C-alpha cells in the first residue's frame, strides 16, 4: 500500500504567521505615499471570534485599471507598485494594507481588489473580492449583479475614514463573506 501525504494546502496550520510574511509585505506603497489608501479589516470565524493566525493576500490593478506586471513583489523598493501584497492577522484577527485605489479593469465595471485567505482549519485557500464602495442598483459587474443584497454587501468595502476602506472577512455563519470557486 502506498502512503499518501497531504499537500501544503491541506495541512492544518497555524504556520502562516511565521513562514510567509515578510518585511513590507503589506505595504504595496509606503504609508506616506501621496495617493496611499488603507485597506484593512478583521477575519472572524463562524462564531465571530477573531482568527489570529490567518494570512491575507491581495492582487489588484493600478489606479488606471491596468494589471501590473512588474517583478519585485517580495523585495519592496519603496516606489514601484506591484499590485500584490501579503499581511498576517494580529491577535485580534486584524489585517492592514497600504496600497493605491485600484481603477476598474473594464469600462463601466466597479473596481475591486482580489483577496485570498489562508487560515487554520481551511483545507485550501479561499478567494473573494473586495469591491470599492458602489451605489445601489446594477453595477455592470456580473458577480455583484447576480447576488442578493445581503450577499452583495459582504463583497463591498466600507469607507471608514479619510483614504481608508474596511473589508471584514467572515469565514462562515451569518453574514459569511461570498467566496469564489475557480475551476
N, C-alpha and C. Protein backbone atom coordinates (compact mmCIF):
# COMPACT_ATOMS: atom_id res chain seq x y z
N UNK A 1 0.83 -1.17 0.00
CA UNK A 1 0.00 0.00 0.00
C UNK A 1 0.88 1.24 0.00
N UNK A 2 0.55 2.19 -0.83
CA UNK A 2 1.31 3.43 -0.94
C UNK A 2 0.77 4.46 0.04
N UNK A 3 1.65 5.07 0.77
CA UNK A 3 1.24 6.12 1.70
C UNK A 3 0.96 7.40 0.93
N UNK A 4 -0.05 8.12 1.35
CA UNK A 4 -0.32 9.43 0.75
C UNK A 4 -0.06 10.49 1.80
N UNK A 5 0.45 11.60 1.36
CA UNK A 5 0.79 12.69 2.26
C UNK A 5 0.03 13.93 1.84
N UNK A 6 -0.40 14.72 2.79
CA UNK A 6 -1.13 15.93 2.44
C UNK A 6 -0.23 16.95 1.76
N UNK A 7 -0.83 17.70 0.88
CA UNK A 7 -0.12 18.80 0.24
C UNK A 7 -0.03 19.95 1.24
N UNK A 8 0.84 20.93 1.01
CA UNK A 8 0.90 22.06 1.95
C UNK A 8 -0.45 22.75 2.13
N UNK A 9 -1.26 22.83 1.07
CA UNK A 9 -2.57 23.46 1.18
C UNK A 9 -3.55 22.67 2.00
N UNK A 10 -3.26 21.38 2.28
CA UNK A 10 -4.16 20.55 3.05
C UNK A 10 -3.72 20.38 4.50
N UNK A 11 -2.60 20.90 4.86
CA UNK A 11 -2.14 20.76 6.25
C UNK A 11 -2.77 21.85 7.09
N UNK A 12 -3.11 21.52 8.29
CA UNK A 12 -3.74 22.48 9.18
C UNK A 12 -2.63 23.24 9.90
N UNK A 13 -2.68 24.56 9.81
CA UNK A 13 -1.68 25.43 10.42
C UNK A 13 -1.78 25.39 11.93
N UNK A 14 -1.49 26.40 12.66
CA UNK A 14 -1.14 27.71 12.12
C UNK A 14 0.36 27.86 11.89
N UNK A 15 0.76 27.95 10.65
CA UNK A 15 2.15 28.18 10.34
C UNK A 15 2.34 29.40 9.46
N UNK A 16 1.25 30.02 9.03
CA UNK A 16 1.37 31.17 8.13
C UNK A 16 2.08 32.35 8.77
N UNK A 17 1.81 32.57 10.04
CA UNK A 17 2.33 33.74 10.72
C UNK A 17 3.84 33.82 10.78
N UNK A 18 4.51 32.68 10.73
CA UNK A 18 5.97 32.76 10.79
C UNK A 18 6.63 32.30 9.50
N UNK A 19 5.91 31.66 8.62
CA UNK A 19 6.53 31.11 7.43
C UNK A 19 6.42 32.01 6.20
N UNK A 20 5.38 32.80 6.10
CA UNK A 20 5.15 33.51 4.85
C UNK A 20 5.23 35.03 4.89
N UNK A 21 4.89 35.70 5.99
CA UNK A 21 5.02 37.17 5.96
C UNK A 21 6.48 37.60 5.80
N UNK A 22 6.66 38.75 5.21
CA UNK A 22 8.00 39.30 5.04
C UNK A 22 7.93 40.81 5.25
N UNK A 23 9.04 41.43 5.58
CA UNK A 23 9.03 42.88 5.86
C UNK A 23 8.46 43.68 4.69
N UNK A 24 7.50 44.52 4.98
CA UNK A 24 6.90 45.37 3.96
C UNK A 24 5.88 44.67 3.09
N UNK A 25 5.54 43.43 3.38
CA UNK A 25 4.62 42.69 2.54
C UNK A 25 3.24 43.31 2.43
N UNK A 26 2.83 44.04 3.46
CA UNK A 26 1.51 44.67 3.45
C UNK A 26 1.55 46.11 2.93
N UNK A 27 2.72 46.57 2.51
CA UNK A 27 2.85 47.94 2.00
C UNK A 27 3.09 47.90 0.50
N UNK A 28 2.01 47.93 -0.26
CA UNK A 28 2.14 47.96 -1.71
C UNK A 28 2.72 49.30 -2.14
N UNK A 29 2.48 50.31 -1.33
CA UNK A 29 3.15 51.61 -1.43
C UNK A 29 3.50 52.02 -0.01
N UNK A 30 4.49 52.86 0.17
CA UNK A 30 4.82 53.31 1.52
C UNK A 30 3.65 54.09 2.14
N UNK A 31 3.47 54.02 3.45
CA UNK A 31 2.36 54.73 4.10
C UNK A 31 2.33 56.23 3.81
N UNK A 32 3.45 56.85 3.56
CA UNK A 32 3.49 58.29 3.28
C UNK A 32 3.23 58.65 1.83
N UNK A 33 2.98 57.69 0.97
CA UNK A 33 2.73 57.95 -0.45
C UNK A 33 1.53 58.89 -0.59
N UNK A 34 1.60 59.91 -1.46
CA UNK A 34 0.51 60.89 -1.53
C UNK A 34 -0.84 60.31 -1.97
N UNK A 35 -0.85 59.17 -2.66
CA UNK A 35 -2.11 58.56 -3.10
C UNK A 35 -2.45 57.29 -2.32
N UNK A 36 -1.76 57.07 -1.20
CA UNK A 36 -1.97 55.84 -0.43
C UNK A 36 -3.36 55.78 0.18
N UNK A 37 -3.92 54.58 0.17
CA UNK A 37 -5.13 54.30 0.92
C UNK A 37 -4.84 53.12 1.84
N UNK A 38 -5.65 52.99 2.85
CA UNK A 38 -5.52 51.86 3.77
C UNK A 38 -6.68 50.92 3.51
N UNK A 39 -6.36 49.65 3.27
CA UNK A 39 -7.37 48.60 3.17
C UNK A 39 -7.14 47.70 4.37
N UNK A 40 -8.16 47.57 5.21
CA UNK A 40 -7.98 46.79 6.44
C UNK A 40 -9.29 46.14 6.82
N UNK A 41 -9.21 45.23 7.78
CA UNK A 41 -10.41 44.59 8.27
C UNK A 41 -10.07 43.49 9.25
N UNK A 42 -11.09 42.72 9.61
CA UNK A 42 -10.96 41.64 10.57
C UNK A 42 -11.37 40.32 9.92
N UNK A 43 -10.66 39.26 10.28
CA UNK A 43 -11.02 37.92 9.86
C UNK A 43 -11.63 37.24 11.08
N UNK A 44 -12.89 36.76 10.93
CA UNK A 44 -13.58 36.10 12.03
C UNK A 44 -14.13 34.76 11.57
N UNK A 45 -14.34 33.87 12.54
CA UNK A 45 -14.89 32.55 12.24
C UNK A 45 -16.42 32.59 12.33
N UNK A 46 -17.04 31.42 12.31
CA UNK A 46 -18.49 31.34 12.34
C UNK A 46 -19.12 31.81 13.63
N UNK A 47 -18.34 31.92 14.70
CA UNK A 47 -18.84 32.43 15.97
C UNK A 47 -18.44 33.88 16.19
N UNK A 48 -17.96 34.53 15.15
CA UNK A 48 -17.49 35.91 15.15
C UNK A 48 -16.30 36.08 16.09
N UNK A 49 -15.55 35.01 16.29
CA UNK A 49 -14.31 35.08 17.07
C UNK A 49 -13.17 35.41 16.11
N UNK A 50 -12.20 36.21 16.55
CA UNK A 50 -11.08 36.57 15.68
C UNK A 50 -10.26 35.34 15.29
N UNK A 51 -9.73 35.38 14.07
CA UNK A 51 -8.81 34.35 13.60
C UNK A 51 -7.42 35.00 13.64
N UNK A 52 -6.64 34.71 14.69
CA UNK A 52 -5.38 35.43 14.90
C UNK A 52 -4.20 34.94 14.07
N UNK A 53 -4.39 33.91 13.28
CA UNK A 53 -3.26 33.35 12.54
C UNK A 53 -3.59 33.17 11.06
N UNK A 54 -4.42 34.04 10.52
CA UNK A 54 -4.75 34.00 9.09
C UNK A 54 -3.71 34.80 8.31
N UNK A 55 -3.66 34.53 7.04
CA UNK A 55 -2.80 35.27 6.13
C UNK A 55 -3.67 35.73 4.97
N UNK A 56 -3.59 37.01 4.65
CA UNK A 56 -4.38 37.60 3.58
C UNK A 56 -3.44 38.04 2.47
N UNK A 57 -3.77 37.68 1.24
CA UNK A 57 -3.04 38.16 0.08
C UNK A 57 -4.00 38.96 -0.79
N UNK A 58 -3.48 40.02 -1.40
CA UNK A 58 -4.29 40.80 -2.33
C UNK A 58 -3.56 40.96 -3.65
N UNK A 59 -4.35 41.07 -4.70
CA UNK A 59 -3.87 41.40 -6.04
C UNK A 59 -4.81 42.47 -6.55
N UNK A 60 -4.28 43.43 -7.25
CA UNK A 60 -5.14 44.50 -7.75
C UNK A 60 -4.54 45.20 -8.94
N UNK A 61 -5.41 45.88 -9.66
CA UNK A 61 -4.98 46.73 -10.77
C UNK A 61 -4.42 48.04 -10.21
N UNK A 62 -3.72 48.77 -11.05
CA UNK A 62 -3.23 50.08 -10.63
C UNK A 62 -4.38 51.09 -10.75
N UNK A 63 -4.16 52.36 -10.41
CA UNK A 63 -5.25 53.34 -10.46
C UNK A 63 -5.88 53.52 -11.85
N UNK A 64 -5.18 53.14 -12.89
CA UNK A 64 -5.74 53.25 -14.25
C UNK A 64 -6.47 51.98 -14.68
N UNK A 65 -6.51 50.98 -13.80
CA UNK A 65 -7.20 49.73 -14.12
C UNK A 65 -6.33 48.72 -14.85
N UNK A 66 -5.05 48.98 -14.94
CA UNK A 66 -4.14 48.06 -15.63
C UNK A 66 -3.60 47.02 -14.65
N UNK A 67 -3.50 45.78 -15.14
CA UNK A 67 -2.89 44.73 -14.35
C UNK A 67 -1.40 44.99 -14.34
N UNK A 68 -0.84 45.06 -13.17
CA UNK A 68 0.58 45.39 -13.02
C UNK A 68 1.40 44.15 -13.32
N UNK A 69 2.46 44.33 -14.10
CA UNK A 69 3.34 43.22 -14.45
C UNK A 69 4.78 43.62 -14.19
N UNK A 70 5.04 43.95 -12.93
CA UNK A 70 6.37 44.38 -12.51
C UNK A 70 6.91 43.35 -11.53
N UNK A 71 8.11 42.90 -11.75
CA UNK A 71 8.74 41.97 -10.82
C UNK A 71 9.12 42.71 -9.54
N UNK A 72 9.32 41.98 -8.46
CA UNK A 72 9.85 42.59 -7.26
C UNK A 72 8.90 42.64 -6.09
N UNK A 73 7.80 41.89 -6.12
CA UNK A 73 6.84 41.95 -5.03
C UNK A 73 7.43 41.55 -3.69
N UNK A 74 8.36 40.60 -3.68
CA UNK A 74 8.93 40.15 -2.42
C UNK A 74 10.07 41.03 -1.92
N UNK A 75 10.52 41.93 -2.75
CA UNK A 75 11.61 42.84 -2.38
C UNK A 75 11.16 44.27 -2.67
N UNK A 76 10.43 44.83 -1.74
CA UNK A 76 9.88 46.17 -1.94
C UNK A 76 11.01 47.19 -2.06
N UNK A 77 10.87 48.06 -3.05
CA UNK A 77 11.89 49.09 -3.22
C UNK A 77 11.42 50.46 -2.76
N UNK A 78 10.17 50.56 -2.32
CA UNK A 78 9.68 51.82 -1.77
C UNK A 78 8.99 52.73 -2.76
N UNK A 79 9.01 52.41 -4.06
CA UNK A 79 8.32 53.27 -5.01
C UNK A 79 7.65 52.51 -6.15
N UNK A 80 8.04 51.27 -6.43
CA UNK A 80 7.44 50.52 -7.52
C UNK A 80 6.18 49.81 -7.03
N UNK A 81 5.05 50.11 -7.65
CA UNK A 81 3.79 49.47 -7.30
C UNK A 81 3.67 48.17 -8.08
N UNK A 82 3.54 47.05 -7.34
CA UNK A 82 3.48 45.74 -7.99
C UNK A 82 2.08 45.14 -7.99
N UNK A 83 1.14 45.72 -7.26
CA UNK A 83 -0.22 45.22 -7.26
C UNK A 83 -0.45 43.98 -6.42
N UNK A 84 0.53 43.54 -5.64
CA UNK A 84 0.39 42.33 -4.83
C UNK A 84 0.94 42.59 -3.43
N UNK A 85 0.26 42.02 -2.43
CA UNK A 85 0.74 42.15 -1.06
C UNK A 85 0.25 41.00 -0.20
N UNK A 86 0.89 40.88 0.96
CA UNK A 86 0.57 39.80 1.91
C UNK A 86 0.65 40.36 3.32
N UNK A 87 -0.38 40.04 4.13
CA UNK A 87 -0.41 40.51 5.52
C UNK A 87 -0.96 39.41 6.43
N UNK A 88 -0.34 39.26 7.57
CA UNK A 88 -0.83 38.33 8.59
C UNK A 88 -1.80 39.08 9.50
N UNK A 89 -2.75 38.36 10.07
CA UNK A 89 -3.64 38.97 11.05
C UNK A 89 -2.94 39.01 12.41
N UNK A 90 -3.36 39.95 13.24
CA UNK A 90 -2.80 40.03 14.60
C UNK A 90 -3.69 39.21 15.55
N UNK A 91 -3.46 39.32 16.84
CA UNK A 91 -4.22 38.54 17.81
C UNK A 91 -5.71 38.86 17.82
N UNK A 92 -6.09 40.02 17.30
CA UNK A 92 -7.50 40.39 17.22
C UNK A 92 -8.11 40.02 15.87
N UNK A 93 -7.33 39.35 14.99
CA UNK A 93 -7.82 38.98 13.67
C UNK A 93 -7.75 40.12 12.67
N UNK A 94 -7.04 41.20 13.00
CA UNK A 94 -6.97 42.39 12.14
C UNK A 94 -5.80 42.31 11.16
N UNK A 95 -6.06 42.75 9.94
CA UNK A 95 -5.02 42.87 8.92
C UNK A 95 -5.08 44.28 8.34
N UNK A 96 -4.00 44.71 7.72
CA UNK A 96 -4.00 46.02 7.08
C UNK A 96 -3.02 46.06 5.92
N UNK A 97 -3.39 46.80 4.88
CA UNK A 97 -2.54 47.03 3.72
C UNK A 97 -2.48 48.53 3.45
N UNK A 98 -1.36 49.00 2.95
CA UNK A 98 -1.23 50.34 2.42
C UNK A 98 -1.05 50.17 0.92
N UNK A 99 -1.97 50.70 0.15
CA UNK A 99 -1.98 50.45 -1.28
C UNK A 99 -2.50 51.67 -2.03
N UNK A 100 -2.79 51.51 -3.29
CA UNK A 100 -3.39 52.55 -4.11
C UNK A 100 -4.83 52.15 -4.41
N UNK A 101 -5.67 53.12 -4.66
CA UNK A 101 -7.05 52.85 -5.05
C UNK A 101 -7.02 52.26 -6.46
N UNK A 102 -7.51 51.01 -6.63
CA UNK A 102 -7.47 50.42 -7.97
C UNK A 102 -8.50 51.06 -8.89
N UNK A 103 -8.18 51.07 -10.16
CA UNK A 103 -9.14 51.51 -11.16
C UNK A 103 -9.91 50.32 -11.68
N UNK A 104 -11.04 50.56 -12.34
CA UNK A 104 -11.80 49.45 -12.89
C UNK A 104 -11.02 48.76 -14.01
N UNK A 105 -11.11 47.44 -14.06
CA UNK A 105 -10.36 46.70 -15.08
C UNK A 105 -11.05 46.72 -16.44
N UNK A 106 -12.30 47.14 -16.47
CA UNK A 106 -13.04 47.27 -17.73
C UNK A 106 -13.98 48.47 -17.61
N UNK A 107 -14.22 49.18 -18.70
CA UNK A 107 -15.13 50.33 -18.65
C UNK A 107 -16.52 49.93 -18.15
N UNK A 108 -17.07 50.74 -17.26
CA UNK A 108 -18.40 50.50 -16.74
C UNK A 108 -18.49 49.47 -15.64
N UNK A 109 -17.37 48.96 -15.20
CA UNK A 109 -17.36 47.96 -14.12
C UNK A 109 -16.78 48.60 -12.86
N UNK A 110 -17.20 48.14 -11.68
CA UNK A 110 -16.63 48.68 -10.44
C UNK A 110 -15.23 48.11 -10.19
N UNK A 111 -14.41 48.89 -9.55
CA UNK A 111 -13.05 48.45 -9.20
C UNK A 111 -13.09 47.52 -8.01
N UNK A 112 -12.14 46.58 -7.96
CA UNK A 112 -12.07 45.65 -6.84
C UNK A 112 -10.64 45.23 -6.60
N UNK A 113 -10.44 44.66 -5.43
CA UNK A 113 -9.17 44.04 -5.06
C UNK A 113 -9.45 42.55 -4.90
N UNK A 114 -8.67 41.70 -5.55
CA UNK A 114 -8.81 40.26 -5.38
C UNK A 114 -8.16 39.88 -4.05
N UNK A 115 -8.84 39.04 -3.27
CA UNK A 115 -8.39 38.68 -1.92
C UNK A 115 -8.33 37.17 -1.78
N UNK A 116 -7.26 36.68 -1.17
CA UNK A 116 -7.13 35.26 -0.85
C UNK A 116 -6.91 35.14 0.65
N UNK A 117 -7.57 34.16 1.27
CA UNK A 117 -7.47 33.93 2.70
C UNK A 117 -6.89 32.54 2.95
N UNK A 118 -5.85 32.49 3.75
CA UNK A 118 -5.29 31.24 4.26
C UNK A 118 -5.52 31.27 5.77
N UNK A 119 -5.99 30.18 6.34
CA UNK A 119 -6.21 30.18 7.79
C UNK A 119 -6.30 28.74 8.30
N UNK A 120 -6.10 28.61 9.60
CA UNK A 120 -6.21 27.29 10.23
C UNK A 120 -7.62 26.74 9.99
N UNK A 121 -7.68 25.45 9.86
CA UNK A 121 -8.96 24.81 9.65
C UNK A 121 -9.43 24.80 8.21
N UNK A 122 -8.76 25.52 7.33
CA UNK A 122 -9.13 25.52 5.91
C UNK A 122 -8.27 24.47 5.20
N UNK A 123 -8.90 23.63 4.41
CA UNK A 123 -8.13 22.65 3.66
C UNK A 123 -7.50 23.25 2.41
N UNK A 124 -7.99 24.39 2.01
CA UNK A 124 -7.40 25.11 0.89
C UNK A 124 -7.74 26.58 1.06
N UNK A 125 -7.07 27.42 0.32
CA UNK A 125 -7.30 28.87 0.44
C UNK A 125 -8.69 29.24 -0.07
N UNK A 126 -9.16 30.41 0.34
CA UNK A 126 -10.44 30.95 -0.10
C UNK A 126 -10.20 32.19 -0.94
N UNK A 127 -11.01 32.37 -1.97
CA UNK A 127 -10.89 33.52 -2.87
C UNK A 127 -12.14 34.37 -2.76
N UNK A 128 -11.96 35.68 -2.77
CA UNK A 128 -13.09 36.59 -2.80
C UNK A 128 -12.63 37.90 -3.45
N UNK A 129 -13.49 38.87 -3.44
CA UNK A 129 -13.17 40.21 -3.96
C UNK A 129 -13.63 41.25 -2.96
N UNK A 130 -12.85 42.31 -2.85
CA UNK A 130 -13.23 43.48 -2.06
C UNK A 130 -13.49 44.61 -3.05
N UNK A 131 -14.76 44.87 -3.31
CA UNK A 131 -15.13 45.94 -4.24
C UNK A 131 -15.06 47.28 -3.52
N UNK A 132 -14.62 48.30 -4.25
CA UNK A 132 -14.69 49.65 -3.71
C UNK A 132 -16.17 49.99 -3.54
N UNK A 133 -16.51 50.92 -2.65
CA UNK A 133 -17.91 51.24 -2.42
C UNK A 133 -18.65 51.56 -3.73
N UNK A 134 -19.84 50.96 -3.86
CA UNK A 134 -20.69 51.18 -5.03
C UNK A 134 -22.08 51.55 -4.53
N UNK A 135 -22.85 52.21 -5.38
CA UNK A 135 -24.21 52.57 -5.01
C UNK A 135 -25.16 51.40 -5.19
N UNK A 136 -26.41 51.64 -4.85
CA UNK A 136 -27.43 50.61 -5.03
C UNK A 136 -27.73 50.46 -6.52
N UNK A 137 -28.28 49.33 -6.87
CA UNK A 137 -28.67 49.09 -8.26
C UNK A 137 -27.59 48.37 -9.04
N UNK A 138 -27.86 48.16 -10.32
CA UNK A 138 -26.91 47.43 -11.16
C UNK A 138 -25.55 48.13 -11.24
N UNK A 139 -24.49 47.32 -11.22
CA UNK A 139 -23.13 47.86 -11.25
C UNK A 139 -22.42 47.59 -12.57
N UNK A 140 -22.97 46.68 -13.37
CA UNK A 140 -22.28 46.27 -14.59
C UNK A 140 -21.33 45.11 -14.34
N UNK A 141 -21.24 44.67 -13.08
CA UNK A 141 -20.37 43.55 -12.74
C UNK A 141 -21.24 42.29 -12.60
N UNK A 142 -20.99 41.26 -13.41
CA UNK A 142 -21.84 40.06 -13.35
C UNK A 142 -21.88 39.40 -11.97
N UNK A 143 -20.77 39.40 -11.24
CA UNK A 143 -20.77 38.78 -9.92
C UNK A 143 -21.66 39.56 -8.96
N UNK A 144 -21.42 40.86 -8.81
CA UNK A 144 -22.22 41.66 -7.89
C UNK A 144 -23.69 41.68 -8.28
N UNK A 145 -23.96 41.84 -9.56
CA UNK A 145 -25.35 41.95 -10.01
C UNK A 145 -26.09 40.62 -9.90
N UNK A 146 -25.38 39.51 -9.77
CA UNK A 146 -26.01 38.21 -9.65
C UNK A 146 -26.30 37.79 -8.22
N UNK A 147 -25.98 38.63 -7.25
CA UNK A 147 -26.17 38.28 -5.84
C UNK A 147 -27.34 39.04 -5.24
N UNK A 148 -27.98 38.45 -4.22
CA UNK A 148 -29.00 39.21 -3.49
C UNK A 148 -28.27 40.27 -2.66
N UNK A 149 -29.02 41.23 -2.14
CA UNK A 149 -28.40 42.38 -1.47
C UNK A 149 -27.54 41.98 -0.28
N UNK A 150 -28.00 41.02 0.54
CA UNK A 150 -27.24 40.62 1.73
C UNK A 150 -25.90 40.02 1.34
N UNK A 151 -25.88 39.14 0.35
CA UNK A 151 -24.63 38.53 -0.10
C UNK A 151 -23.74 39.58 -0.76
N UNK A 152 -24.33 40.44 -1.53
CA UNK A 152 -23.58 41.50 -2.23
C UNK A 152 -22.83 42.39 -1.23
N UNK A 153 -23.47 42.71 -0.11
CA UNK A 153 -22.84 43.59 0.88
C UNK A 153 -21.58 42.98 1.49
N UNK A 154 -21.46 41.65 1.48
CA UNK A 154 -20.26 41.02 2.04
C UNK A 154 -19.04 41.23 1.15
N UNK A 155 -19.24 41.72 -0.07
CA UNK A 155 -18.14 41.93 -1.01
C UNK A 155 -17.77 43.39 -1.18
N UNK A 156 -18.45 44.28 -0.50
CA UNK A 156 -18.20 45.71 -0.70
C UNK A 156 -17.50 46.30 0.52
N UNK A 157 -16.33 46.87 0.27
CA UNK A 157 -15.59 47.55 1.33
C UNK A 157 -16.35 48.81 1.75
N UNK A 158 -16.16 49.20 2.98
CA UNK A 158 -16.86 50.37 3.53
C UNK A 158 -15.84 51.46 3.84
N UNK A 159 -16.13 52.68 3.40
CA UNK A 159 -15.26 53.81 3.73
C UNK A 159 -15.36 54.05 5.23
N UNK A 160 -14.20 54.13 5.89
CA UNK A 160 -14.23 54.35 7.34
C UNK A 160 -13.21 55.40 7.76
N UNK A 161 -13.13 56.41 7.01
CA UNK A 161 -12.22 57.50 7.32
C UNK A 161 -11.58 58.01 6.05
N UNK A 162 -10.73 58.99 6.21
CA UNK A 162 -10.06 59.58 5.07
C UNK A 162 -9.09 58.58 4.46
N UNK A 163 -9.33 58.21 3.22
CA UNK A 163 -8.46 57.27 2.50
C UNK A 163 -8.32 55.93 3.21
N UNK A 164 -9.41 55.45 3.80
CA UNK A 164 -9.39 54.17 4.50
C UNK A 164 -10.65 53.38 4.14
N UNK A 165 -10.44 52.10 3.80
CA UNK A 165 -11.53 51.19 3.48
C UNK A 165 -11.46 49.99 4.40
N UNK A 166 -12.62 49.59 4.92
CA UNK A 166 -12.66 48.41 5.78
C UNK A 166 -13.37 47.28 5.04
N UNK A 167 -12.72 46.11 5.05
CA UNK A 167 -13.28 44.92 4.42
C UNK A 167 -13.09 43.74 5.36
N UNK A 168 -14.16 43.39 6.07
CA UNK A 168 -14.12 42.28 7.01
C UNK A 168 -14.39 40.97 6.28
N UNK A 169 -13.77 39.92 6.75
CA UNK A 169 -13.92 38.59 6.17
C UNK A 169 -14.51 37.65 7.22
N UNK A 170 -15.72 37.19 6.99
CA UNK A 170 -16.38 36.22 7.88
C UNK A 170 -16.28 34.87 7.19
N UNK A 171 -15.59 33.93 7.81
CA UNK A 171 -15.29 32.65 7.17
C UNK A 171 -16.50 31.72 7.06
N UNK A 172 -17.49 31.87 7.94
CA UNK A 172 -18.70 31.06 7.84
C UNK A 172 -19.76 31.65 8.74
N UNK A 173 -20.96 31.10 8.67
CA UNK A 173 -22.04 31.55 9.53
C UNK A 173 -22.82 32.71 8.95
N UNK A 174 -23.57 33.38 9.84
CA UNK A 174 -24.38 34.52 9.42
C UNK A 174 -23.48 35.61 8.84
N UNK A 175 -23.89 36.17 7.73
CA UNK A 175 -23.14 37.22 7.01
C UNK A 175 -21.78 36.71 6.52
N UNK A 176 -21.71 35.41 6.22
CA UNK A 176 -20.48 34.84 5.66
C UNK A 176 -20.12 35.56 4.37
N UNK A 177 -18.84 35.88 4.23
CA UNK A 177 -18.35 36.50 3.01
C UNK A 177 -18.59 35.56 1.84
N UNK A 178 -18.98 36.11 0.71
CA UNK A 178 -19.12 35.30 -0.50
C UNK A 178 -17.72 34.94 -0.98
N UNK A 179 -17.47 33.63 -1.09
CA UNK A 179 -16.19 33.15 -1.60
C UNK A 179 -16.41 32.54 -2.97
N UNK A 180 -15.38 32.63 -3.79
CA UNK A 180 -15.45 32.19 -5.18
C UNK A 180 -14.76 30.85 -5.36
N UNK A 181 -15.24 30.09 -6.32
CA UNK A 181 -14.59 28.83 -6.65
C UNK A 181 -14.17 28.91 -8.10
N UNK A 182 -12.92 28.58 -8.35
CA UNK A 182 -12.41 28.57 -9.72
C UNK A 182 -12.26 27.13 -10.17
N UNK A 183 -12.60 26.88 -11.42
CA UNK A 183 -12.47 25.53 -11.95
C UNK A 183 -11.03 25.18 -12.20
